[in-house]
Amino acid sequence: MYFAGSSVLDHPCVILDSQVAATLRNTCKWGSLGEDGWPASTYVRYCTLLDRWAREESRRLGRRIGIGIGIGIDEIERWLFRP
């Protein structure tokens, strides 16, 4: 799915898998995430969450949100996926 984003920082082509879900549950305390499978509405909430976190982190670091400058949602996803 990543290639479908064409390297655009805010592309919504992120993956919500069991590893990401475990980090969201255990580290981020995202309690509404079930153990097995997620409906489309959960994926939409996940994309919205990553977008918000990327924007917040970009502002915190003083990086403009936009083309190749701010924090991308894929960077947040990579942090969530950490083993």
PDB file of N, CA and C in Angstrom:
ATOM      1  N   MET A   1       0.805  -1.194   0.000  1.00  0.00           N
ATOM      2  CA  MET A   1       0.000   0.000   0.000  1.00  0.00           C
ATOM      3  C   MET A   1       0.853   1.266   0.000  1.00  0.00           C
ATOM      4  N   TYR A   2       2.070   1.181   0.520  1.00  0.00           N
ATOM      5  CA  TYR A   2       2.891   2.378   0.663  1.00  0.00           C
ATOM      6  C   TYR A   2       3.141   3.069  -0.673  1.00  0.00           C
ATOM      7  N   PHE A   3       3.426   2.285  -1.710  1.00  0.00           N
ATOM      8  CA  PHE A   3       3.722   2.900  -3.016  1.00  0.00           C
ATOM      9  C   PHE A   3       2.541   3.690  -3.559  1.00  0.00           C
ATOM     10  N   ALA A   4       1.338   3.363  -3.129  1.00  0.00           N
ATOM     11  CA  ALA A   4       0.149   4.065  -3.606  1.00  0.00           C
ATOM     12  C   ALA A   4       0.107   5.512  -3.120  1.00  0.00           C
ATOM     13  N   GLY A   5       0.869   5.827  -2.080  1.00  0.00           N
ATOM     14  CA  GLY A   5       0.885   7.174  -1.536  1.00  0.00           C
ATOM     15  C   GLY A   5       1.759   8.136  -2.300  1.00  0.00           C
ATOM     16  N   SER A   6       2.557   7.663  -3.235  1.00  0.00           N
ATOM     17  CA  SER A   6       3.418   8.501  -4.073  1.00  0.00           C
ATOM     18  C   SER A   6       4.305   9.438  -3.270  1.00  0.00           C
ATOM     19  N   SER A   7       4.767   8.992  -2.093  1.00  0.00           N
ATOM     20  CA  SER A   7       5.671   9.769  -1.242  1.00  0.00           C
ATOM     21  C   SER A   7       5.068  11.052  -0.690  1.00  0.00           C
ATOM     22  N   VAL A   8       3.754  11.177  -0.706  1.00  0.00           N
ATOM     23  CA  VAL A   8       3.093  12.335  -0.132  1.00  0.00           C
ATOM     24  C   VAL A   8       2.994  12.107   1.376  1.00  0.00           C
ATOM     25  N   LEU A   9       3.434  13.095   2.168  1.00  0.00           N
ATOM     26  CA  LEU A   9       3.516  12.905   3.615  1.00  0.00           C
ATOM     27  C   LEU A   9       2.199  12.543   4.281  1.00  0.00           C
ATOM     28  N   ASP A  10       1.101  13.086   3.814  1.00  0.00           N
ATOM     29  CA  ASP A  10      -0.156  12.814   4.504  1.00  0.00           C
ATOM     30  C   ASP A  10      -1.028  11.785   3.788  1.00  0.00           C
ATOM     31  N   HIS A  11      -0.401  10.938   2.973  1.00  0.00           N
ATOM     32  CA  HIS A  11      -1.192   9.908   2.293  1.00  0.00           C
ATOM     33  C   HIS A  11      -1.803   8.952   3.313  1.00  0.00           C
ATOM     34  N   PRO A  12      -3.010   8.466   3.052  1.00  0.00           N
ATOM     35  CA  PRO A  12      -3.684   7.595   4.013  1.00  0.00           C
ATOM     36  C   PRO A  12      -3.398   6.108   3.806  1.00  0.00           C
ATOM     37  N   CYS A  13      -2.268   5.776   3.242  1.00  0.00           N
ATOM     38  CA  CYS A  13      -1.954   4.367   2.948  1.00  0.00           C
ATOM     39  C   CYS A  13      -1.134   3.751   4.072  1.00  0.00           C
ATOM     40  N   VAL A  14      -1.680   3.743   5.249  1.00  0.00           N
ATOM     41  CA  VAL A  14      -0.967   3.171   6.394  1.00  0.00           C
ATOM     42  C   VAL A  14      -1.590   1.824   6.739  1.00  0.00           C
ATOM     43  N   ILE A  15      -0.845   1.042   7.453  1.00  0.00           N
ATOM     44  CA  ILE A  15      -1.281  -0.316   7.765  1.00  0.00           C
ATOM     45  C   ILE A  15      -1.636  -0.418   9.246  1.00  0.00           C
ATOM     46  N   LEU A  16      -2.774  -0.989   9.505  1.00  0.00           N
ATOM     47  CA  LEU A  16      -3.199  -1.299  10.864  1.00  0.00           C
ATOM     48  C   LEU A  16      -3.187  -2.816  10.980  1.00  0.00           C
ATOM     49  N   ASP A  17      -2.119  -3.333  11.585  1.00  0.00           N
ATOM     50  CA  ASP A  17      -1.991  -4.776  11.761  1.00  0.00           C
ATOM     51  C   ASP A  17      -1.878  -5.095  13.245  1.00  0.00           C
ATOM     52  N   SER A  18      -1.642  -6.348  13.583  1.00  0.00           N
ATOM     53  CA  SER A  18      -1.619  -6.752  14.988  1.00  0.00           C
ATOM     54  C   SER A  18      -0.484  -6.087  15.770  1.00  0.00           C
ATOM     55  N   GLN A  19       0.661  -5.852  15.139  1.00  0.00           N
ATOM     56  CA  GLN A  19       1.783  -5.203  15.827  1.00  0.00           C
ATOM     57  C   GLN A  19       1.453  -3.743  16.152  1.00  0.00           C
ATOM     58  N   VAL A  20       0.927  -3.025  15.170  1.00  0.00           N
ATOM     59  CA  VAL A  20       0.527  -1.630  15.374  1.00  0.00           C
ATOM     60  C   VAL A  20      -0.594  -1.573  16.417  1.00  0.00           C
ATOM     61  N   ALA A  21      -1.555  -2.469  16.314  1.00  0.00           N
ATOM     62  CA  ALA A  21      -2.667  -2.494  17.271  1.00  0.00           C
ATOM     63  C   ALA A  21      -2.171  -2.745  18.687  1.00  0.00           C
ATOM     64  N   ALA A  22      -1.186  -3.630  18.842  1.00  0.00           N
ATOM     65  CA  ALA A  22      -0.638  -3.909  20.170  1.00  0.00           C
ATOM     66  C   ALA A  22       0.008  -2.660  20.764  1.00  0.00           C
ATOM     67  N   THR A  23       0.754  -1.919  19.957  1.00  0.00           N
ATOM     68  CA  THR A  23       1.382  -0.684  20.447  1.00  0.00           C
ATOM     69  C   THR A  23       0.312   0.344  20.796  1.00  0.00           C
ATOM     70  N   LEU A  24      -0.709   0.472  19.952  1.00  0.00           N
ATOM     71  CA  LEU A  24      -1.791   1.403  20.244  1.00  0.00           C
ATOM     72  C   LEU A  24      -2.495   1.054  21.551  1.00  0.00           C
ATOM     73  N   ARG A  25      -2.729  -0.230  21.771  1.00  0.00           N
ATOM     74  CA  ARG A  25      -3.389  -0.666  23.006  1.00  0.00           C
ATOM     75  C   ARG A  25      -2.479  -0.512  24.217  1.00  0.00           C
ATOM     76  N   ASN A  26      -1.256  -1.032  24.130  1.00  0.00           N
ATOM     77  CA  ASN A  26      -0.388  -1.148  25.301  1.00  0.00           C
ATOM     78  C   ASN A  26       0.379   0.121  25.639  1.00  0.00           C
ATOM     79  N   THR A  27       0.853   0.834  24.630  1.00  0.00           N
ATOM     80  CA  THR A  27       1.659   2.030  24.876  1.00  0.00           C
ATOM     81  C   THR A  27       0.817   3.292  24.852  1.00  0.00           C
ATOM     82  N   CYS A  28      -0.097   3.370  23.899  1.00  0.00           N
ATOM     83  CA  CYS A  28      -0.891   4.590  23.706  1.00  0.00           C
ATOM     84  C   CYS A  28      -2.230   4.529  24.428  1.00  0.00           C
ATOM     85  N   LYS A  29      -2.555   3.366  24.985  1.00  0.00           N
ATOM     86  CA  LYS A  29      -3.793   3.168  25.740  1.00  0.00           C
ATOM     87  C   LYS A  29      -5.051   3.463  24.919  1.00  0.00           C
ATOM     88  N   TRP A  30      -4.999   3.059  23.636  1.00  0.00           N
ATOM     89  CA  TRP A  30      -6.163   3.200  22.757  1.00  0.00           C
ATOM     90  C   TRP A  30      -7.084   2.025  23.061  1.00  0.00           C
ATOM     91  N   GLY A  31      -7.943   2.172  24.055  1.00  0.00           N
ATOM     92  CA  GLY A  31      -8.743   1.086  24.594  1.00  0.00           C
ATOM     93  C   GLY A  31      -9.861   0.574  23.721  1.00  0.00           C
ATOM     94  N   SER A  32     -10.248   1.307  22.707  1.00  0.00           N
ATOM     95  CA  SER A  32     -11.380   0.878  21.887  1.00  0.00           C
ATOM     96  C   SER A  32     -10.989  -0.098  20.791  1.00  0.00           C
ATOM     97  N   LEU A  33      -9.738  -0.461  20.739  1.00  0.00           N
ATOM     98  CA  LEU A  33      -9.246  -1.359  19.696  1.00  0.00           C
ATOM     99  C   LEU A  33      -9.376  -2.801  20.156  1.00  0.00           C
ATOM    100  N   GLY A  34     -10.129  -3.586  19.423  1.00  0.00           N
ATOM    101  CA  GLY A  34     -10.304  -4.992  19.769  1.00  0.00           C
ATOM    102  C   GLY A  34      -9.069  -5.818  19.465  1.00  0.00           C
ATOM    103  N   GLU A  35      -9.115  -7.079  19.772  1.00  0.00           N
ATOM    104  CA  GLU A  35      -7.980  -7.984  19.583  1.00  0.00           C
ATOM    105  C   GLU A  35      -7.873  -8.516  18.150  1.00  0.00           C
ATOM    106  N   ASP A  36      -9.000  -8.806  17.527  1.00  0.00           N
ATOM    107  CA  ASP A  36      -8.979  -9.467  16.221  1.00  0.00           C
ATOM    108  C   ASP A  36      -9.813  -8.710  15.194  1.00  0.00           C
ATOM    109  N   GLY A  37      -9.154  -8.211  14.178  1.00  0.00           N
ATOM    110  CA  GLY A  37      -9.850  -7.564  13.077  1.00  0.00           C
ATOM    111  C   GLY A  37     -10.476  -6.236  13.478  1.00  0.00           C
ATOM    112  N   TRP A  38     -10.602  -5.365  12.506  1.00  0.00           N
ATOM    113  CA  TRP A  38     -11.138  -4.038  12.768  1.00  0.00           C
ATOM    114  C   TRP A  38     -12.035  -3.633  11.612  1.00  0.00           C
ATOM    115  N   PRO A  39     -13.180  -3.032  11.929  1.00  0.00           N
ATOM    116  CA  PRO A  39     -14.066  -2.560  10.857  1.00  0.00           C
ATOM    117  C   PRO A  39     -13.453  -1.334  10.177  1.00  0.00           C
ATOM    118  N   ALA A  40     -14.004  -0.981   9.039  1.00  0.00           N
ATOM    119  CA  ALA A  40     -13.512   0.170   8.278  1.00  0.00           C
ATOM    120  C   ALA A  40     -13.538   1.440   9.116  1.00  0.00           C
ATOM    121  N   SER A  41     -14.524   1.584   9.986  1.00  0.00           N
ATOM    122  CA  SER A  41     -14.622   2.784  10.820  1.00  0.00           C
ATOM    123  C   SER A  41     -13.414   2.917  11.758  1.00  0.00           C
ATOM    124  N   THR A  42     -12.877   1.796  12.208  1.00  0.00           N
ATOM    125  CA  THR A  42     -11.689   1.831  13.062  1.00  0.00           C
ATOM    126  C   THR A  42     -10.483   2.280  12.254  1.00  0.00           C
ATOM    127  N   TYR A  43     -10.376   1.812  11.013  1.00  0.00           N
ATOM    128  CA  TYR A  43      -9.268   2.237  10.157  1.00  0.00           C
ATOM    129  C   TYR A  43      -9.346   3.742   9.889  1.00  0.00           C
ATOM    130  N   VAL A  44     -10.542   4.254   9.684  1.00  0.00           N
ATOM    131  CA  VAL A  44     -10.715   5.698   9.468  1.00  0.00           C
ATOM    132  C   VAL A  44     -10.259   6.464  10.711  1.00  0.00           C
ATOM    133  N   ARG A  45     -10.645   5.992  11.893  1.00  0.00           N
ATOM    134  CA  ARG A  45     -10.207   6.631  13.145  1.00  0.00           C
ATOM    135  C   ARG A  45      -8.691   6.575  13.284  1.00  0.00           C
ATOM    136  N   TYR A  46      -8.100   5.451  12.905  1.00  0.00           N
ATOM    137  CA  TYR A  46      -6.646   5.281  12.961  1.00  0.00           C
ATOM    138  C   TYR A  46      -5.955   6.288  12.039  1.00  0.00           C
ATOM    139  N   CYS A  47      -6.425   6.427  10.817  1.00  0.00           N
ATOM    140  CA  CYS A  47      -5.840   7.397   9.877  1.00  0.00           C
ATOM    141  C   CYS A  47      -5.971   8.817  10.405  1.00  0.00           C
ATOM    142  N   THR A  48      -7.123   9.129  10.988  1.00  0.00           N
ATOM    143  CA  THR A  48      -7.344  10.455  11.567  1.00  0.00           C
ATOM    144  C   THR A  48      -6.386  10.698  12.734  1.00  0.00           C
ATOM    145  N   LEU A  49      -6.198   9.689  13.567  1.00  0.00           N
ATOM    146  CA  LEU A  49      -5.273   9.788  14.695  1.00  0.00           C
ATOM    147  C   LEU A  49      -3.844  10.044  14.219  1.00  0.00           C
ATOM    148  N   LEU A  50      -3.380   9.278  13.228  1.00  0.00           N
ATOM    149  CA  LEU A  50      -2.021   9.467  12.722  1.00  0.00           C
ATOM    150  C   LEU A  50      -1.846  10.848  12.110  1.00  0.00           C
ATOM    151  N   ASP A  51      -2.851  11.315  11.401  1.00  0.00           N
ATOM    152  CA  ASP A  51      -2.784  12.653  10.820  1.00  0.00           C
ATOM    153  C   ASP A  51      -2.660  13.703  11.916  1.00  0.00           C
ATOM    154  N   ARG A  52      -3.466  13.573  12.959  1.00  0.00           N
ATOM    155  CA  ARG A  52      -3.405  14.533  14.066  1.00  0.00           C
ATOM    156  C   ARG A  52      -2.042  14.502  14.756  1.00  0.00           C
ATOM    157  N   TRP A  53      -1.541  13.295  15.037  1.00  0.00           N
ATOM    158  CA  TRP A  53      -0.236  13.181  15.691  1.00  0.00           C
ATOM    159  C   TRP A  53       0.876  13.761  14.826  1.00  0.00           C
ATOM    160  N   ALA A  54       0.829  13.523  13.521  1.00  0.00           N
ATOM    161  CA  ALA A  54       1.855  14.052  12.615  1.00  0.00           C
ATOM    162  C   ALA A  54       1.822  15.575  12.607  1.00  0.00           C
ATOM    163  N   ARG A  55       0.643  16.149  12.576  1.00  0.00           N
ATOM    164  CA  ARG A  55       0.522  17.610  12.602  1.00  0.00           C
ATOM    165  C   ARG A  55       1.010  18.186  13.929  1.00  0.00           C
ATOM    166  N   GLU A  56       0.615  17.546  15.037  1.00  0.00           N
ATOM    167  CA  GLU A  56       1.047  18.007  16.355  1.00  0.00           C
ATOM    168  C   GLU A  56       2.568  17.933  16.495  1.00  0.00           C
ATOM    169  N   GLU A  57       3.151  16.841  16.052  1.00  0.00           N
ATOM    170  CA  GLU A  57       4.600  16.678  16.158  1.00  0.00           C
ATOM    171  C   GLU A  57       5.333  17.655  15.238  1.00  0.00           C
ATOM    172  N   SER A  58       4.792  17.901  14.059  1.00  0.00           N
ATOM    173  CA  SER A  58       5.384  18.887  13.151  1.00  0.00           C
ATOM    174  C   SER A  58       5.398  20.262  13.806  1.00  0.00           C
ATOM    175  N   ARG A  59       4.285  20.636  14.420  1.00  0.00           N
ATOM    176  CA  ARG A  59       4.219  21.936  15.106  1.00  0.00           C
ATOM    177  C   ARG A  59       5.197  21.979  16.272  1.00  0.00           C
ATOM    178  N   ARG A  60       5.233  20.896  17.057  1.00  0.00           N
ATOM    179  CA  ARG A  60       6.116  20.852  18.220  1.00  0.00           C
ATOM    180  C   ARG A  60       7.578  21.030  17.817  1.00  0.00           C
ATOM    181  N   LEU A  61       7.948  20.453  16.684  1.00  0.00           N
ATOM    182  CA  LEU A  61       9.323  20.543  16.203  1.00  0.00           C
ATOM    183  C   LEU A  61       9.584  21.791  15.365  1.00  0.00           C
ATOM    184  N   GLY A  62       8.537  22.584  15.148  1.00  0.00           N
ATOM    185  CA  GLY A  62       8.689  23.793  14.357  1.00  0.00           C
ATOM    186  C   GLY A  62       8.877  23.510  12.878  1.00  0.00           C
ATOM    187  N   ARG A  63       8.351  22.382  12.417  1.00  0.00           N
ATOM    188  CA  ARG A  63       8.450  22.026  11.002  1.00  0.00           C
ATOM    189  C   ARG A  63       7.126  22.320  10.319  1.00  0.00           C
ATOM    190  N   ARG A  64       7.204  22.995   9.183  1.00  0.00           N
ATOM    191  CA  ARG A  64       5.990  23.307   8.433  1.00  0.00           C
ATOM    192  C   ARG A  64       5.322  22.027   7.964  1.00  0.00           C
ATOM    193  N   ILE A  65       4.021  22.039   8.012  1.00  0.00           N
ATOM    194  CA  ILE A  65       3.252  20.904   7.514  1.00  0.00           C
ATOM    195  C   ILE A  65       3.108  21.105   6.013  1.00  0.00           C
ATOM    196  N   GLY A  66       3.560  20.159   5.259  1.00  0.00           N
ATOM    197  CA  GLY A  66       3.449  20.279   3.813  1.00  0.00           C
ATOM    198  C   GLY A  66       4.436  19.392   3.109  1.00  0.00           C
ATOM    199  N   ILE A  67       4.620  19.657   1.887  1.00  0.00           N
ATOM    200  CA  ILE A  67       5.392  18.817   0.989  1.00  0.00           C
ATOM    201  C   ILE A  67       6.814  18.589   1.486  1.00  0.00           C
ATOM    202  N   GLY A  68       7.075  17.395   2.000  1.00  0.00           N
ATOM    203  CA  GLY A  68       8.424  16.989   2.372  1.00  0.00           C
ATOM    204  C   GLY A  68       9.057  17.719   3.539  1.00  0.00           C
ATOM    205  N   ILE A  69       8.278  18.489   4.302  1.00  0.00           N
ATOM    206  CA  ILE A  69       8.878  19.286   5.358  1.00  0.00           C
ATOM    207  C   ILE A  69       8.440  18.812   6.742  1.00  0.00           C
ATOM    208  N   GLY A  70       7.167  18.550   6.896  1.00  0.00           N
ATOM    209  CA  GLY A  70       6.639  18.156   8.196  1.00  0.00           C
ATOM    210  C   GLY A  70       6.871  16.672   8.477  1.00  0.00           C
ATOM    211  N   ILE A  71       6.347  16.237   9.596  1.00  0.00           N
ATOM    212  CA  ILE A  71       6.387  14.826   9.971  1.00  0.00           C
ATOM    213  C   ILE A  71       5.284  14.121   9.190  1.00  0.00           C
ATOM    214  N   GLY A  72       5.616  13.004   8.564  1.00  0.00           N
ATOM    215  CA  GLY A  72       4.634  12.252   7.799  1.00  0.00           C
ATOM    216  C   GLY A  72       3.949  11.203   8.656  1.00  0.00           C
ATOM    217  N   ILE A  73       2.723  10.847   8.264  1.00  0.00           N
ATOM    218  CA  ILE A  73       2.015   9.819   9.028  1.00  0.00           C
ATOM    219  C   ILE A  73       2.747   8.482   8.949  1.00  0.00           C
ATOM    220  N   ASP A  74       3.545   8.291   7.886  1.00  0.00           N
ATOM    221  CA  ASP A  74       4.313   7.049   7.785  1.00  0.00           C
ATOM    222  C   ASP A  74       5.404   6.980   8.858  1.00  0.00           C
ATOM    223  N   GLU A  75       5.887   8.125   9.312  1.00  0.00           N
ATOM    224  CA  GLU A  75       6.877   8.137  10.394  1.00  0.00           C
ATOM    225  C   GLU A  75       6.234   7.738  11.715  1.00  0.00           C
ATOM    226  N   ILE A  76       5.007   8.189  11.929  1.00  0.00           N
ATOM    227  CA  ILE A  76       4.264   7.791  13.121  1.00  0.00           C
ATOM    228  C   ILE A  76       3.956   6.290  13.050  1.00  0.00           C
ATOM    229  N   GLU A  77       3.549   5.835  11.876  1.00  0.00           N
ATOM    230  CA  GLU A  77       3.262   4.410  11.684  1.00  0.00           C
ATOM    231  C   GLU A  77       4.501   3.563  11.967  1.00  0.00           C
ATOM    232  N   ARG A  78       5.643   4.001  11.493  1.00  0.00           N
ATOM    233  CA  ARG A  78       6.889   3.257  11.720  1.00  0.00           C
ATOM    234  C   ARG A  78       7.181   3.142  13.217  1.00  0.00           C
ATOM    235  N   TRP A  79       6.935   4.228  13.966  1.00  0.00           N
ATOM    236  CA  TRP A  79       7.133   4.190  15.417  1.00  0.00           C
ATOM    237  C   TRP A  79       6.171   3.193  16.051  1.00  0.00           C
ATOM    238  N   LEU A  80       4.906   3.194  15.605  1.00  0.00           N
ATOM    239  CA  LEU A  80       3.918   2.271  16.158  1.00  0.00           C
ATOM    240  C   LEU A  80       4.249   0.821  15.841  1.00  0.00           C
ATOM    241  N   PHE A  81       4.902   0.587  14.719  1.00  0.00           N
ATOM    242  CA  PHE A  81       5.197  -0.779  14.284  1.00  0.00           C
ATOM    243  C   PHE A  81       6.425  -1.367  14.976  1.00  0.00           C
ATOM    244  N   ARG A  82       7.172  -0.559  15.651  1.00  0.00           N
ATOM    245  CA  ARG A  82       8.431  -1.033  16.237  1.00  0.00           C
ATOM    246  C   ARG A  82       8.266  -2.377  16.931  1.00  0.00           C
ATOM    247  N   PRO A  83       9.225  -3.257  16.747  1.00  0.00           N
ATOM    248  CA  PRO A  83       9.116  -4.599  17.370  1.00  0.00           C
ATOM    249  C   PRO A  83       9.380  -4.568  18.856  1.00  0.00           C
TER     250      PRO A  83
END
